[in-house]
Amino acid sequence: MVTFQDRTVADSIITDLMEGHLIACANISPVESSYRLKDRVEHALEWVALLKIQDKDFHKMKERIIELHPYDVPCIVRYEIADGHLPYLEWIRASTAPPQGD
């Protein structure tokens, strides 16, 4: 899960991750966020993305988001998939596989 300041930034970073085969899918939604920043409570509209990835790609994906994300401290957290619909889990694996060379 990653939060973004606006939809344009979310789309740009997600496209980069998809083109790099680091994510299979992203579900993007607006979210109202409340957080503490420099001893003040802030409220903002952000965009949250649930990214479908393989466990092995998390650290590479995280580093790429950190490179591209405009926040000093972006929210990047991982929740493990304990179980799921096997064909969907296989699709995630296939969608994040690097392209095969000729």
PDB file of N, CA and C in Angstrom:
ATOM      1  N   MET A   1       0.847  -1.173   0.000  1.00  0.00           N
ATOM      2  CA  MET A   1       0.000   0.000   0.000  1.00  0.00           C
ATOM      3  C   MET A   1       0.896   1.240   0.000  1.00  0.00           C
ATOM      4  N   VAL A   2       0.533   2.191  -0.847  1.00  0.00           N
ATOM      5  CA  VAL A   2       1.294   3.437  -0.968  1.00  0.00           C
ATOM      6  C   VAL A   2       0.298   4.582  -1.069  1.00  0.00           C
ATOM      7  N   THR A   3       0.604   5.708  -0.424  1.00  0.00           N
ATOM      8  CA  THR A   3      -0.228   6.896  -0.577  1.00  0.00           C
ATOM      9  C   THR A   3       0.511   7.936  -1.416  1.00  0.00           C
ATOM     10  N   PHE A   4      -0.293   8.754  -2.119  1.00  0.00           N
ATOM     11  CA  PHE A   4       0.243   9.773  -3.014  1.00  0.00           C
ATOM     12  C   PHE A   4      -0.501  11.081  -2.791  1.00  0.00           C
ATOM     13  N   GLN A   5       0.138  12.198  -3.102  1.00  0.00           N
ATOM     14  CA  GLN A   5      -0.463  13.511  -2.906  1.00  0.00           C
ATOM     15  C   GLN A   5      -1.554  13.818  -3.912  1.00  0.00           C
ATOM     16  N   ASP A   6      -1.453  13.238  -5.112  1.00  0.00           N
ATOM     17  CA  ASP A   6      -2.496  13.469  -6.110  1.00  0.00           C
ATOM     18  C   ASP A   6      -2.506  12.328  -7.120  1.00  0.00           C
ATOM     19  N   ARG A   7      -3.532  12.316  -7.939  1.00  0.00           N
ATOM     20  CA  ARG A   7      -3.727  11.216  -8.891  1.00  0.00           C
ATOM     21  C   ARG A   7      -2.652  11.211  -9.977  1.00  0.00           C
ATOM     22  N   THR A   8      -2.189  12.379 -10.380  1.00  0.00           N
ATOM     23  CA  THR A   8      -1.170  12.450 -11.424  1.00  0.00           C
ATOM     24  C   THR A   8       0.120  11.772 -10.972  1.00  0.00           C
ATOM     25  N   VAL A   9       0.553  12.066  -9.762  1.00  0.00           N
ATOM     26  CA  VAL A   9       1.763  11.439  -9.215  1.00  0.00           C
ATOM     27  C   VAL A   9       1.544   9.932  -9.082  1.00  0.00           C
ATOM     28  N   ALA A  10       0.386   9.532  -8.568  1.00  0.00           N
ATOM     29  CA  ALA A  10       0.076   8.103  -8.429  1.00  0.00           C
ATOM     30  C   ALA A  10       0.165   7.402  -9.780  1.00  0.00           C
ATOM     31  N   ASP A  11      -0.485   7.961 -10.788  1.00  0.00           N
ATOM     32  CA  ASP A  11      -0.481   7.337 -12.115  1.00  0.00           C
ATOM     33  C   ASP A  11       0.923   7.233 -12.688  1.00  0.00           C
ATOM     34  N   SER A  12       1.722   8.267 -12.517  1.00  0.00           N
ATOM     35  CA  SER A  12       3.078   8.280 -13.055  1.00  0.00           C
ATOM     36  C   SER A  12       3.942   7.191 -12.416  1.00  0.00           C
ATOM     37  N   ILE A  13       3.920   7.116 -11.098  1.00  0.00           N
ATOM     38  CA  ILE A  13       4.746   6.121 -10.399  1.00  0.00           C
ATOM     39  C   ILE A  13       4.235   4.715 -10.671  1.00  0.00           C
ATOM     40  N   ILE A  14       2.929   4.529 -10.673  1.00  0.00           N
ATOM     41  CA  ILE A  14       2.365   3.207 -10.935  1.00  0.00           C
ATOM     42  C   ILE A  14       2.705   2.746 -12.349  1.00  0.00           C
ATOM     43  N   THR A  15       2.644   3.642 -13.319  1.00  0.00           N
ATOM     44  CA  THR A  15       3.015   3.280 -14.691  1.00  0.00           C
ATOM     45  C   THR A  15       4.466   2.831 -14.746  1.00  0.00           C
ATOM     46  N   ASP A  16       5.349   3.553 -14.079  1.00  0.00           N
ATOM     47  CA  ASP A  16       6.765   3.180 -14.033  1.00  0.00           C
ATOM     48  C   ASP A  16       6.931   1.777 -13.438  1.00  0.00           C
ATOM     49  N   LEU A  17       6.236   1.501 -12.341  1.00  0.00           N
ATOM     50  CA  LEU A  17       6.343   0.190 -11.691  1.00  0.00           C
ATOM     51  C   LEU A  17       5.791  -0.922 -12.582  1.00  0.00           C
ATOM     52  N   MET A  18       4.696  -0.647 -13.296  1.00  0.00           N
ATOM     53  CA  MET A  18       4.118  -1.653 -14.192  1.00  0.00           C
ATOM     54  C   MET A  18       5.063  -1.915 -15.359  1.00  0.00           C
ATOM     55  N   GLU A  19       5.618  -0.852 -15.931  1.00  0.00           N
ATOM     56  CA  GLU A  19       6.538  -1.024 -17.058  1.00  0.00           C
ATOM     57  C   GLU A  19       7.797  -1.780 -16.644  1.00  0.00           C
ATOM     58  N   GLY A  20       8.180  -1.655 -15.373  1.00  0.00           N
ATOM     59  CA  GLY A  20       9.342  -2.375 -14.855  1.00  0.00           C
ATOM     60  C   GLY A  20       9.011  -3.776 -14.354  1.00  0.00           C
ATOM     61  N   HIS A  21       7.775  -4.197 -14.538  1.00  0.00           N
ATOM     62  CA  HIS A  21       7.316  -5.528 -14.117  1.00  0.00           C
ATOM     63  C   HIS A  21       7.472  -5.743 -12.614  1.00  0.00           C
ATOM     64  N   LEU A  22       7.348  -4.669 -11.839  1.00  0.00           N
ATOM     65  CA  LEU A  22       7.440  -4.778 -10.383  1.00  0.00           C
ATOM     66  C   LEU A  22       6.075  -4.944  -9.735  1.00  0.00           C
ATOM     67  N   ILE A  23       5.009  -4.576 -10.449  1.00  0.00           N
ATOM     68  CA  ILE A  23       3.652  -4.771  -9.946  1.00  0.00           C
ATOM     69  C   ILE A  23       2.794  -5.348 -11.062  1.00  0.00           C
ATOM     70  N   ALA A  24       1.786  -6.114 -10.666  1.00  0.00           N
ATOM     71  CA  ALA A  24       0.863  -6.689 -11.639  1.00  0.00           C
ATOM     72  C   ALA A  24      -0.360  -5.809 -11.819  1.00  0.00           C
ATOM     73  N   CYS A  25      -0.738  -5.092 -10.760  1.00  0.00           N
ATOM     74  CA  CYS A  25      -1.994  -4.356 -10.762  1.00  0.00           C
ATOM     75  C   CYS A  25      -1.948  -3.316  -9.649  1.00  0.00           C
ATOM     76  N   ALA A  26      -2.710  -2.263  -9.827  1.00  0.00           N
ATOM     77  CA  ALA A  26      -2.865  -1.250  -8.776  1.00  0.00           C
ATOM     78  C   ALA A  26      -4.327  -0.851  -8.688  1.00  0.00           C
ATOM     79  N   ASN A  27      -4.861  -0.863  -7.485  1.00  0.00           N
ATOM     80  CA  ASN A  27      -6.198  -0.324  -7.235  1.00  0.00           C
ATOM     81  C   ASN A  27      -5.998   1.032  -6.582  1.00  0.00           C
ATOM     82  N   ILE A  28      -6.540   2.085  -7.205  1.00  0.00           N
ATOM     83  CA  ILE A  28      -6.299   3.450  -6.751  1.00  0.00           C
ATOM     84  C   ILE A  28      -7.624   4.077  -6.311  1.00  0.00           C
ATOM     85  N   SER A  29      -7.603   4.700  -5.125  1.00  0.00           N
ATOM     86  CA  SER A  29      -8.804   5.350  -4.602  1.00  0.00           C
ATOM     87  C   SER A  29      -8.430   6.620  -3.854  1.00  0.00           C
ATOM     88  N   PRO A  30      -9.329   7.607  -3.860  1.00  0.00           N
ATOM     89  CA  PRO A  30      -9.093   8.772  -2.997  1.00  0.00           C
ATOM     90  C   PRO A  30      -9.315   8.375  -1.545  1.00  0.00           C
ATOM     91  N   VAL A  31      -8.589   9.027  -0.648  1.00  0.00           N
ATOM     92  CA  VAL A  31      -8.702   8.729   0.778  1.00  0.00           C
ATOM     93  C   VAL A  31      -8.474  10.011   1.569  1.00  0.00           C
ATOM     94  N   GLU A  32      -9.231  10.185   2.636  1.00  0.00           N
ATOM     95  CA  GLU A  32      -8.998  11.307   3.537  1.00  0.00           C
ATOM     96  C   GLU A  32      -8.008  10.862   4.597  1.00  0.00           C
ATOM     97  N   SER A  33      -6.892  11.545   4.692  1.00  0.00           N
ATOM     98  CA  SER A  33      -5.828  11.171   5.617  1.00  0.00           C
ATOM     99  C   SER A  33      -5.689  12.204   6.729  1.00  0.00           C
ATOM    100  N   SER A  34      -5.421  11.725   7.923  1.00  0.00           N
ATOM    101  CA  SER A  34      -5.075  12.577   9.063  1.00  0.00           C
ATOM    102  C   SER A  34      -3.741  12.062   9.594  1.00  0.00           C
ATOM    103  N   TYR A  35      -2.825  12.970   9.851  1.00  0.00           N
ATOM    104  CA  TYR A  35      -1.484  12.566  10.271  1.00  0.00           C
ATOM    105  C   TYR A  35      -0.819  13.714  11.020  1.00  0.00           C
ATOM    106  N   ARG A  36       0.222  13.378  11.755  1.00  0.00           N
ATOM    107  CA  ARG A  36       1.002  14.375  12.480  1.00  0.00           C
ATOM    108  C   ARG A  36       2.228  14.717  11.637  1.00  0.00           C
ATOM    109  N   LEU A  37       2.446  16.012  11.439  1.00  0.00           N
ATOM    110  CA  LEU A  37       3.605  16.489  10.700  1.00  0.00           C
ATOM    111  C   LEU A  37       4.150  17.709  11.419  1.00  0.00           C
ATOM    112  N   LYS A  38       5.391  17.600  11.896  1.00  0.00           N
ATOM    113  CA  LYS A  38       6.049  18.708  12.605  1.00  0.00           C
ATOM    114  C   LYS A  38       5.183  19.213  13.757  1.00  0.00           C
ATOM    115  N   ASP A  39       4.727  18.292  14.592  1.00  0.00           N
ATOM    116  CA  ASP A  39       3.935  18.580  15.789  1.00  0.00           C
ATOM    117  C   ASP A  39       2.581  19.226  15.506  1.00  0.00           C
ATOM    118  N   ARG A  40       2.086  19.069  14.303  1.00  0.00           N
ATOM    119  CA  ARG A  40       0.744  19.553  13.971  1.00  0.00           C
ATOM    120  C   ARG A  40      -0.063  18.404  13.394  1.00  0.00           C
ATOM    121  N   VAL A  41      -1.343  18.392  13.671  1.00  0.00           N
ATOM    122  CA  VAL A  41      -2.228  17.415  13.053  1.00  0.00           C
ATOM    123  C   VAL A  41      -2.711  17.999  11.733  1.00  0.00           C
ATOM    124  N   GLU A  42      -2.497  17.255  10.674  1.00  0.00           N
ATOM    125  CA  GLU A  42      -2.868  17.685   9.332  1.00  0.00           C
ATOM    126  C   GLU A  42      -3.987  16.784   8.810  1.00  0.00           C
ATOM    127  N   HIS A  43      -4.797  17.330   7.912  1.00  0.00           N
ATOM    128  CA  HIS A  43      -5.848  16.582   7.232  1.00  0.00           C
ATOM    129  C   HIS A  43      -5.703  16.878   5.742  1.00  0.00           C
ATOM    130  N   ALA A  44      -5.713  15.842   4.939  1.00  0.00           N
ATOM    131  CA  ALA A  44      -5.520  16.053   3.501  1.00  0.00           C
ATOM    132  C   ALA A  44      -6.220  14.967   2.698  1.00  0.00           C
ATOM    133  N   LEU A  45      -6.559  15.303   1.475  1.00  0.00           N
ATOM    134  CA  LEU A  45      -7.040  14.317   0.529  1.00  0.00           C
ATOM    135  C   LEU A  45      -5.815  13.750  -0.173  1.00  0.00           C
ATOM    136  N   GLU A  46      -5.673  12.443  -0.125  1.00  0.00           N
ATOM    137  CA  GLU A  46      -4.578  11.759  -0.802  1.00  0.00           C
ATOM    138  C   GLU A  46      -5.179  10.663  -1.678  1.00  0.00           C
ATOM    139  N   TRP A  47      -4.318   9.978  -2.373  1.00  0.00           N
ATOM    140  CA  TRP A  47      -4.701   8.813  -3.166  1.00  0.00           C
ATOM    141  C   TRP A  47      -3.950   7.621  -2.607  1.00  0.00           C
ATOM    142  N   VAL A  48      -4.653   6.530  -2.410  1.00  0.00           N
ATOM    143  CA  VAL A  48      -4.033   5.312  -1.894  1.00  0.00           C
ATOM    144  C   VAL A  48      -4.062   4.260  -3.002  1.00  0.00           C
ATOM    145  N   ALA A  49      -2.963   3.542  -3.122  1.00  0.00           N
ATOM    146  CA  ALA A  49      -2.873   2.471  -4.121  1.00  0.00           C
ATOM    147  C   ALA A  49      -2.542   1.163  -3.423  1.00  0.00           C
ATOM    148  N   LEU A  50      -3.346   0.159  -3.721  1.00  0.00           N
ATOM    149  CA  LEU A  50      -3.039  -1.204  -3.296  1.00  0.00           C
ATOM    150  C   LEU A  50      -2.354  -1.863  -4.480  1.00  0.00           C
ATOM    151  N   LEU A  51      -1.098  -2.233  -4.291  1.00  0.00           N
ATOM    152  CA  LEU A  51      -0.287  -2.770  -5.377  1.00  0.00           C
ATOM    153  C   LEU A  51      -0.175  -4.285  -5.247  1.00  0.00           C
ATOM    154  N   LYS A  52      -0.443  -4.993  -6.324  1.00  0.00           N
ATOM    155  CA  LYS A  52      -0.327  -6.455  -6.325  1.00  0.00           C
ATOM    156  C   LYS A  52       1.070  -6.812  -6.818  1.00  0.00           C
ATOM    157  N   ILE A  53       1.835  -7.482  -5.959  1.00  0.00           N
ATOM    158  CA  ILE A  53       3.232  -7.781  -6.256  1.00  0.00           C
ATOM    159  C   ILE A  53       3.571  -9.200  -5.811  1.00  0.00           C
ATOM    160  N   GLN A  54       4.748  -9.641  -6.233  1.00  0.00           N
ATOM    161  CA  GLN A  54       5.332 -10.847  -5.661  1.00  0.00           C
ATOM    162  C   GLN A  54       6.196 -10.422  -4.475  1.00  0.00           C
ATOM    163  N   ASP A  55       6.218 -11.250  -3.453  1.00  0.00           N
ATOM    164  CA  ASP A  55       6.995 -10.957  -2.253  1.00  0.00           C
ATOM    165  C   ASP A  55       8.451 -10.638  -2.596  1.00  0.00           C
ATOM    166  N   LYS A  56       9.020 -11.371  -3.522  1.00  0.00           N
ATOM    167  CA  LYS A  56      10.436 -11.197  -3.880  1.00  0.00           C
ATOM    168  C   LYS A  56      10.736  -9.819  -4.474  1.00  0.00           C
ATOM    169  N   ASP A  57       9.698  -9.138  -4.985  1.00  0.00           N
ATOM    170  CA  ASP A  57       9.908  -7.840  -5.631  1.00  0.00           C
ATOM    171  C   ASP A  57       9.713  -6.650  -4.694  1.00  0.00           C
ATOM    172  N   PHE A  58       9.326  -6.902  -3.438  1.00  0.00           N
ATOM    173  CA  PHE A  58       8.966  -5.789  -2.557  1.00  0.00           C
ATOM    174  C   PHE A  58      10.099  -4.778  -2.388  1.00  0.00           C
ATOM    175  N   HIS A  59      11.293  -5.239  -2.052  1.00  0.00           N
ATOM    176  CA  HIS A  59      12.370  -4.289  -1.758  1.00  0.00           C
ATOM    177  C   HIS A  59      12.781  -3.476  -2.994  1.00  0.00           C
ATOM    178  N   LYS A  60      12.812  -4.120  -4.147  1.00  0.00           N
ATOM    179  CA  LYS A  60      13.143  -3.397  -5.379  1.00  0.00           C
ATOM    180  C   LYS A  60      12.051  -2.375  -5.701  1.00  0.00           C
ATOM    181  N   MET A  61      10.785  -2.774  -5.522  1.00  0.00           N
ATOM    182  CA  MET A  61       9.669  -1.870  -5.756  1.00  0.00           C
ATOM    183  C   MET A  61       9.726  -0.690  -4.787  1.00  0.00           C
ATOM    184  N   LYS A  62       9.982  -0.983  -3.509  1.00  0.00           N
ATOM    185  CA  LYS A  62      10.055   0.064  -2.489  1.00  0.00           C
ATOM    186  C   LYS A  62      11.143   1.075  -2.834  1.00  0.00           C
ATOM    187  N   GLU A  63      12.307   0.608  -3.222  1.00  0.00           N
ATOM    188  CA  GLU A  63      13.397   1.514  -3.563  1.00  0.00           C
ATOM    189  C   GLU A  63      13.044   2.381  -4.773  1.00  0.00           C
ATOM    190  N   ARG A  64      12.352   1.809  -5.742  1.00  0.00           N
ATOM    191  CA  ARG A  64      11.959   2.589  -6.919  1.00  0.00           C
ATOM    192  C   ARG A  64      10.938   3.658  -6.544  1.00  0.00           C
ATOM    193  N   ILE A  65       9.984   3.317  -5.674  1.00  0.00           N
ATOM    194  CA  ILE A  65       9.012   4.311  -5.219  1.00  0.00           C
ATOM    195  C   ILE A  65       9.720   5.441  -4.482  1.00  0.00           C
ATOM    196  N   ILE A  66      10.655   5.103  -3.603  1.00  0.00           N
ATOM    197  CA  ILE A  66      11.400   6.126  -2.853  1.00  0.00           C
ATOM    198  C   ILE A  66      12.126   7.065  -3.822  1.00  0.00           C
ATOM    199  N   GLU A  67      12.705   6.525  -4.898  1.00  0.00           N
ATOM    200  CA  GLU A  67      13.391   7.359  -5.899  1.00  0.00           C
ATOM    201  C   GLU A  67      12.441   8.353  -6.562  1.00  0.00           C
ATOM    202  N   LEU A  68      11.210   7.926  -6.831  1.00  0.00           N
ATOM    203  CA  LEU A  68      10.277   8.719  -7.626  1.00  0.00           C
ATOM    204  C   LEU A  68       9.304   9.566  -6.807  1.00  0.00           C
ATOM    205  N   HIS A  69       9.052   9.188  -5.572  1.00  0.00           N
ATOM    206  CA  HIS A  69       7.986   9.797  -4.768  1.00  0.00           C
ATOM    207  C   HIS A  69       8.396  11.184  -4.272  1.00  0.00           C
ATOM    208  N   PRO A  70       7.501  12.166  -4.371  1.00  0.00           N
ATOM    209  CA  PRO A  70       7.838  13.516  -3.916  1.00  0.00           C
ATOM    210  C   PRO A  70       7.834  13.695  -2.391  1.00  0.00           C
ATOM    211  N   TYR A  71       7.172  12.808  -1.637  1.00  0.00           N
ATOM    212  CA  TYR A  71       7.166  12.935  -0.175  1.00  0.00           C
ATOM    213  C   TYR A  71       8.549  12.614   0.388  1.00  0.00           C
ATOM    214  N   ASP A  72       8.940  13.320   1.451  1.00  0.00           N
ATOM    215  CA  ASP A  72      10.185  12.994   2.147  1.00  0.00           C
ATOM    216  C   ASP A  72      10.099  11.619   2.799  1.00  0.00           C
ATOM    217  N   VAL A  73       8.931  11.296   3.335  1.00  0.00           N
ATOM    218  CA  VAL A  73       8.715  10.016   4.015  1.00  0.00           C
ATOM    219  C   VAL A  73       7.416   9.398   3.472  1.00  0.00           C
ATOM    220  N   PRO A  74       7.490   8.748   2.300  1.00  0.00           N
ATOM    221  CA  PRO A  74       6.268   8.172   1.746  1.00  0.00           C
ATOM    222  C   PRO A  74       5.800   6.949   2.544  1.00  0.00           C
ATOM    223  N   CYS A  75       4.485   6.770   2.579  1.00  0.00           N
ATOM    224  CA  CYS A  75       3.887   5.578   3.186  1.00  0.00           C
ATOM    225  C   CYS A  75       4.047   4.433   2.192  1.00  0.00           C
ATOM    226  N   ILE A  76       4.861   3.460   2.539  1.00  0.00           N
ATOM    227  CA  ILE A  76       5.037   2.256   1.732  1.00  0.00           C
ATOM    228  C   ILE A  76       5.005   1.095   2.722  1.00  0.00           C
ATOM    229  N   VAL A  77       3.921   0.334   2.721  1.00  0.00           N
ATOM    230  CA  VAL A  77       3.814  -0.795   3.644  1.00  0.00           C
ATOM    231  C   VAL A  77       3.387  -2.043   2.886  1.00  0.00           C
ATOM    232  N   ARG A  78       3.774  -3.176   3.433  1.00  0.00           N
ATOM    233  CA  ARG A  78       3.471  -4.460   2.798  1.00  0.00           C
ATOM    234  C   ARG A  78       2.588  -5.283   3.706  1.00  0.00           C
ATOM    235  N   TYR A  79       1.544  -5.840   3.122  1.00  0.00           N
ATOM    236  CA  TYR A  79       0.680  -6.802   3.794  1.00  0.00           C
ATOM    237  C   TYR A  79       0.815  -8.111   3.022  1.00  0.00           C
ATOM    238  N   GLU A  80       1.127  -9.173   3.701  1.00  0.00           N
ATOM    239  CA  GLU A  80       1.293 -10.451   3.017  1.00  0.00           C
ATOM    240  C   GLU A  80      -0.053 -11.072   2.682  1.00  0.00           C
ATOM    241  N   ILE A  81      -0.114 -11.706   1.527  1.00  0.00           N
ATOM    242  CA  ILE A  81      -1.307 -12.450   1.125  1.00  0.00           C
ATOM    243  C   ILE A  81      -1.202 -13.829   1.767  1.00  0.00           C
ATOM    244  N   ALA A  82      -2.046 -14.092   2.741  1.00  0.00           N
ATOM    245  CA  ALA A  82      -2.024 -15.384   3.429  1.00  0.00           C
ATOM    246  C   ALA A  82      -2.637 -16.472   2.563  1.00  0.00           C
ATOM    247  N   ASP A  83      -3.610 -16.105   1.762  1.00  0.00           N
ATOM    248  CA  ASP A  83      -4.299 -17.066   0.918  1.00  0.00           C
ATOM    249  C   ASP A  83      -5.050 -16.281  -0.141  1.00  0.00           C
ATOM    250  N   GLY A  84      -5.470 -16.949  -1.187  1.00  0.00           N
ATOM    251  CA  GLY A  84      -6.223 -16.272  -2.229  1.00  0.00           C
ATOM    252  C   GLY A  84      -6.643 -17.231  -3.314  1.00  0.00           C
ATOM    253  N   HIS A  85      -7.359 -16.713  -4.282  1.00  0.00           N
ATOM    254  CA  HIS A  85      -7.823 -17.480  -5.434  1.00  0.00           C
ATOM    255  C   HIS A  85      -6.593 -17.827  -6.282  1.00  0.00           C
ATOM    256  N   LEU A  86      -6.262 -19.097  -6.385  1.00  0.00           N
ATOM    257  CA  LEU A  86      -5.026 -19.534  -7.034  1.00  0.00           C
ATOM    258  C   LEU A  86      -4.837 -18.965  -8.442  1.00  0.00           C
ATOM    259  N   PRO A  87      -5.857 -18.975  -9.309  1.00  0.00           N
ATOM    260  CA  PRO A  87      -5.633 -18.375 -10.638  1.00  0.00           C
ATOM    261  C   PRO A  87      -5.244 -16.897 -10.567  1.00  0.00           C
ATOM    262  N   TYR A  88      -5.784 -16.159  -9.606  1.00  0.00           N
ATOM    263  CA  TYR A  88      -5.416 -14.749  -9.455  1.00  0.00           C
ATOM    264  C   TYR A  88      -3.971 -14.621  -8.976  1.00  0.00           C
ATOM    265  N   LEU A  89      -3.572 -15.450  -8.021  1.00  0.00           N
ATOM    266  CA  LEU A  89      -2.196 -15.418  -7.535  1.00  0.00           C
ATOM    267  C   LEU A  89      -1.215 -15.796  -8.644  1.00  0.00           C
ATOM    268  N   GLU A  90      -1.597 -16.744  -9.490  1.00  0.00           N
ATOM    269  CA  GLU A  90      -0.763 -17.117 -10.641  1.00  0.00           C
ATOM    270  C   GLU A  90      -0.659 -15.958 -11.629  1.00  0.00           C
ATOM    271  N   TRP A  91      -1.753 -15.233 -11.815  1.00  0.00           N
ATOM    272  CA  TRP A  91      -1.740 -14.075 -12.705  1.00  0.00           C
ATOM    273  C   TRP A  91      -0.756 -13.019 -12.198  1.00  0.00           C
ATOM    274  N   ILE A  92      -0.721 -12.793 -10.884  1.00  0.00           N
ATOM    275  CA  ILE A  92       0.247 -11.844 -10.312  1.00  0.00           C
ATOM    276  C   ILE A  92       1.658 -12.291 -10.657  1.00  0.00           C
ATOM    277  N   ARG A  93       1.953 -13.588 -10.447  1.00  0.00           N
ATOM    278  CA  ARG A  93       3.291 -14.098 -10.772  1.00  0.00           C
ATOM    279  C   ARG A  93       3.628 -13.881 -12.246  1.00  0.00           C
ATOM    280  N   ALA A  94       2.695 -14.237 -13.132  1.00  0.00           N
ATOM    281  CA  ALA A  94       2.942 -14.106 -14.582  1.00  0.00           C
ATOM    282  C   ALA A  94       3.094 -12.649 -14.986  1.00  0.00           C
ATOM    283  N   SER A  95       2.314 -11.764 -14.393  1.00  0.00           N
ATOM    284  CA  SER A  95       2.347 -10.352 -14.776  1.00  0.00           C
ATOM    285  C   SER A  95       3.579  -9.620 -14.294  1.00  0.00           C
ATOM    286  N   THR A  96       4.248 -10.153 -13.302  1.00  0.00           N
ATOM    287  CA  THR A  96       5.452  -9.498 -12.782  1.00  0.00           C
ATOM    288  C   THR A  96       6.732 -10.192 -13.250  1.00  0.00           C
ATOM    289  N   ALA A  97       6.585 -11.217 -14.081  1.00  0.00           N
ATOM    290  CA  ALA A  97       7.778 -11.904 -14.615  1.00  0.00           C
ATOM    291  C   ALA A  97       8.455 -10.996 -15.637  1.00  0.00           C
ATOM    292  N   PRO A  98       9.780 -10.933 -15.597  1.00  0.00           N
ATOM    293  CA  PRO A  98      10.474 -10.124 -16.608  1.00  0.00           C
ATOM    294  C   PRO A  98      10.192 -10.650 -18.001  1.00  0.00           C
ATOM    295  N   PRO A  99      10.169  -9.779 -19.002  1.00  0.00           N
ATOM    296  CA  PRO A  99       9.924 -10.252 -20.369  1.00  0.00           C
ATOM    297  C   PRO A  99      11.052 -11.174 -20.826  1.00  0.00           C
ATOM    298  N   GLN A 100      10.688 -12.161 -21.616  1.00  0.00           N
ATOM    299  CA  GLN A 100      11.669 -13.101 -22.148  1.00  0.00           C
ATOM    300  C   GLN A 100      12.298 -12.517 -23.406  1.00  0.00           C
ATOM    301  N   GLY A 101      13.631 -12.565 -23.489  1.00  0.00           N
ATOM    302  CA  GLY A 101      14.341 -12.046 -24.657  1.00  0.00           C
ATOM    303  C   GLY A 101      14.221 -12.997 -25.827  1.00  0.00           C
ATOM    304  N   ASP A 102      14.422 -12.466 -27.011  1.00  0.00           N
ATOM    305  CA  ASP A 102      14.349 -13.302 -28.237  1.00  0.00           C
ATOM    306  C   ASP A 102      15.610 -14.105 -28.404  1.00  0.00           C
TER     307      ASP A 102
END
